[in-house]
Amino acid sequence: MSEKISYNEAVSRLETIVSELEKGGKSLDETLAMFEEGAALLKVCQHELDAAEGRLAELSLEEINSKIKG
């Protein structure tokens, strides 16, 4: 995955992949390719969630600091 994909796009594509894999009927090569794509999408999602968690922690610290100073 060389192109930048949003969290929502990644989740949507993951849902599609899971649905397709649940249907079955794919060749081994197709299944492996979908699995690899899904793993890459999971990394994108995890990265975005980690970044959001970091921003929330930063905001919480700013709020605490402003209350202490205020």
C-alpha atoms as a PDB file:
ATOM      1  CA  MET A   1       0.000   0.000   0.000  1.00  0.00           C
ATOM      2  CA  SER A   2       1.979   2.922  -1.236  1.00  0.00           C
ATOM      3  CA  GLU A   3      -0.908   5.387  -1.464  1.00  0.00           C
ATOM      4  CA  LYS A   4      -2.269   7.238   1.549  1.00  0.00           C
ATOM      5  CA  ILE A   5      -5.615   5.847   2.636  1.00  0.00           C
ATOM      6  CA  SER A   6      -7.868   7.259   5.340  1.00  0.00           C
ATOM      7  CA  TYR A   7      -8.919   5.320   8.410  1.00  0.00           C
ATOM      8  CA  ASN A   8     -12.513   5.145   7.183  1.00  0.00           C
ATOM      9  CA  GLU A   9     -11.437   3.920   3.746  1.00  0.00           C
ATOM     10  CA  ALA A  10      -9.217   1.270   5.348  1.00  0.00           C
ATOM     11  CA  VAL A  11     -12.031   0.034   7.589  1.00  0.00           C
ATOM     12  CA  SER A  12     -14.452  -0.065   4.670  1.00  0.00           C
ATOM     13  CA  ARG A  13     -12.001  -2.040   2.538  1.00  0.00           C
ATOM     14  CA  LEU A  14     -11.329  -4.411   5.451  1.00  0.00           C
ATOM     15  CA  GLU A  15     -15.066  -5.042   5.767  1.00  0.00           C
ATOM     16  CA  THR A  16     -15.215  -5.848   2.054  1.00  0.00           C
ATOM     17  CA  ILE A  17     -12.251  -8.211   2.303  1.00  0.00           C
ATOM     18  CA  VAL A  18     -13.731 -10.038   5.290  1.00  0.00           C
ATOM     19  CA  SER A  19     -17.062 -10.383   3.501  1.00  0.00           C
ATOM     20  CA  GLU A  20     -15.388 -11.740   0.367  1.00  0.00           C
ATOM     21  CA  LEU A  21     -13.288 -14.194   2.342  1.00  0.00           C
ATOM     22  CA  GLU A  22     -16.344 -15.393   4.275  1.00  0.00           C
ATOM     23  CA  LYS A  23     -18.128 -16.134   0.988  1.00  0.00           C
ATOM     24  CA  GLY A  24     -15.319 -18.468  -0.002  1.00  0.00           C
ATOM     25  CA  GLY A  25     -14.731 -19.666  -3.525  1.00  0.00           C
ATOM     26  CA  LYS A  26     -11.457 -17.801  -3.926  1.00  0.00           C
ATOM     27  CA  SER A  27      -8.292 -19.428  -5.150  1.00  0.00           C
ATOM     28  CA  LEU A  28      -5.404 -19.806  -2.737  1.00  0.00           C
ATOM     29  CA  ASP A  29      -3.524 -17.011  -4.499  1.00  0.00           C
ATOM     30  CA  GLU A  30      -6.533 -14.677  -4.285  1.00  0.00           C
ATOM     31  CA  THR A  31      -7.057 -15.551  -0.627  1.00  0.00           C
ATOM     32  CA  LEU A  32      -3.416 -14.888   0.219  1.00  0.00           C
ATOM     33  CA  ALA A  33      -3.441 -11.576  -1.663  1.00  0.00           C
ATOM     34  CA  MET A  34      -6.575 -10.481   0.202  1.00  0.00           C
ATOM     35  CA  PHE A  35      -5.061 -11.564   3.501  1.00  0.00           C
ATOM     36  CA  GLU A  36      -1.902  -9.560   2.772  1.00  0.00           C
ATOM     37  CA  GLU A  37      -3.939  -6.498   1.825  1.00  0.00           C
ATOM     38  CA  GLY A  38      -5.987  -6.877   5.000  1.00  0.00           C
ATOM     39  CA  ALA A  39      -2.848  -7.077   7.126  1.00  0.00           C
ATOM     40  CA  ALA A  40      -1.540  -3.870   5.540  1.00  0.00           C
ATOM     41  CA  LEU A  41      -4.889  -2.167   6.132  1.00  0.00           C
ATOM     42  CA  LEU A  42      -4.839  -3.245   9.766  1.00  0.00           C
ATOM     43  CA  LYS A  43      -1.452  -1.553  10.142  1.00  0.00           C
ATOM     44  CA  VAL A  44      -2.893   1.649   8.684  1.00  0.00           C
ATOM     45  CA  CYS A  45      -5.808   1.510  11.123  1.00  0.00           C
ATOM     46  CA  GLN A  46      -3.547   0.803  14.096  1.00  0.00           C
ATOM     47  CA  HIS A  47      -1.270   3.699  13.154  1.00  0.00           C
ATOM     48  CA  GLU A  48      -4.242   6.074  12.917  1.00  0.00           C
ATOM     49  CA  LEU A  49      -5.672   4.865  16.234  1.00  0.00           C
ATOM     50  CA  ASP A  50      -2.295   5.265  17.939  1.00  0.00           C
ATOM     51  CA  ALA A  51      -2.009   8.806  16.566  1.00  0.00           C
ATOM     52  CA  ALA A  52      -5.509   9.659  17.790  1.00  0.00           C
ATOM     53  CA  GLU A  53      -4.722   8.248  21.221  1.00  0.00           C
ATOM     54  CA  GLY A  54      -1.583  10.390  21.357  1.00  0.00           C
ATOM     55  CA  ARG A  55      -3.540  13.511  20.431  1.00  0.00           C
ATOM     56  CA  LEU A  56      -6.140  12.749  23.113  1.00  0.00           C
ATOM     57  CA  ALA A  57      -3.440  12.279  25.718  1.00  0.00           C
ATOM     58  CA  GLU A  58      -1.862  15.580  24.667  1.00  0.00           C
ATOM     59  CA  LEU A  59      -5.199  17.379  24.902  1.00  0.00           C
ATOM     60  CA  SER A  60      -5.809  15.903  28.338  1.00  0.00           C
ATOM     61  CA  LEU A  61      -2.394  17.095  29.519  1.00  0.00           C
ATOM     62  CA  GLU A  62      -3.072  20.571  28.150  1.00  0.00           C
ATOM     63  CA  GLU A  63      -6.396  20.646  29.997  1.00  0.00           C
ATOM     64  CA  ILE A  64      -4.760  19.548  33.244  1.00  0.00           C
ATOM     65  CA  ASN A  65      -1.989  22.119  32.848  1.00  0.00           C
ATOM     66  CA  SER A  66      -4.458  24.929  32.183  1.00  0.00           C
ATOM     67  CA  LYS A  67      -6.424  24.011  35.317  1.00  0.00           C
ATOM     68  CA  ILE A  68      -3.262  23.971  37.406  1.00  0.00           C
ATOM     69  CA  LYS A  69      -2.179  27.354  36.075  1.00  0.00           C
ATOM     70  CA  GLY A  70      -5.679  28.809  36.160  1.00  0.00           C
END
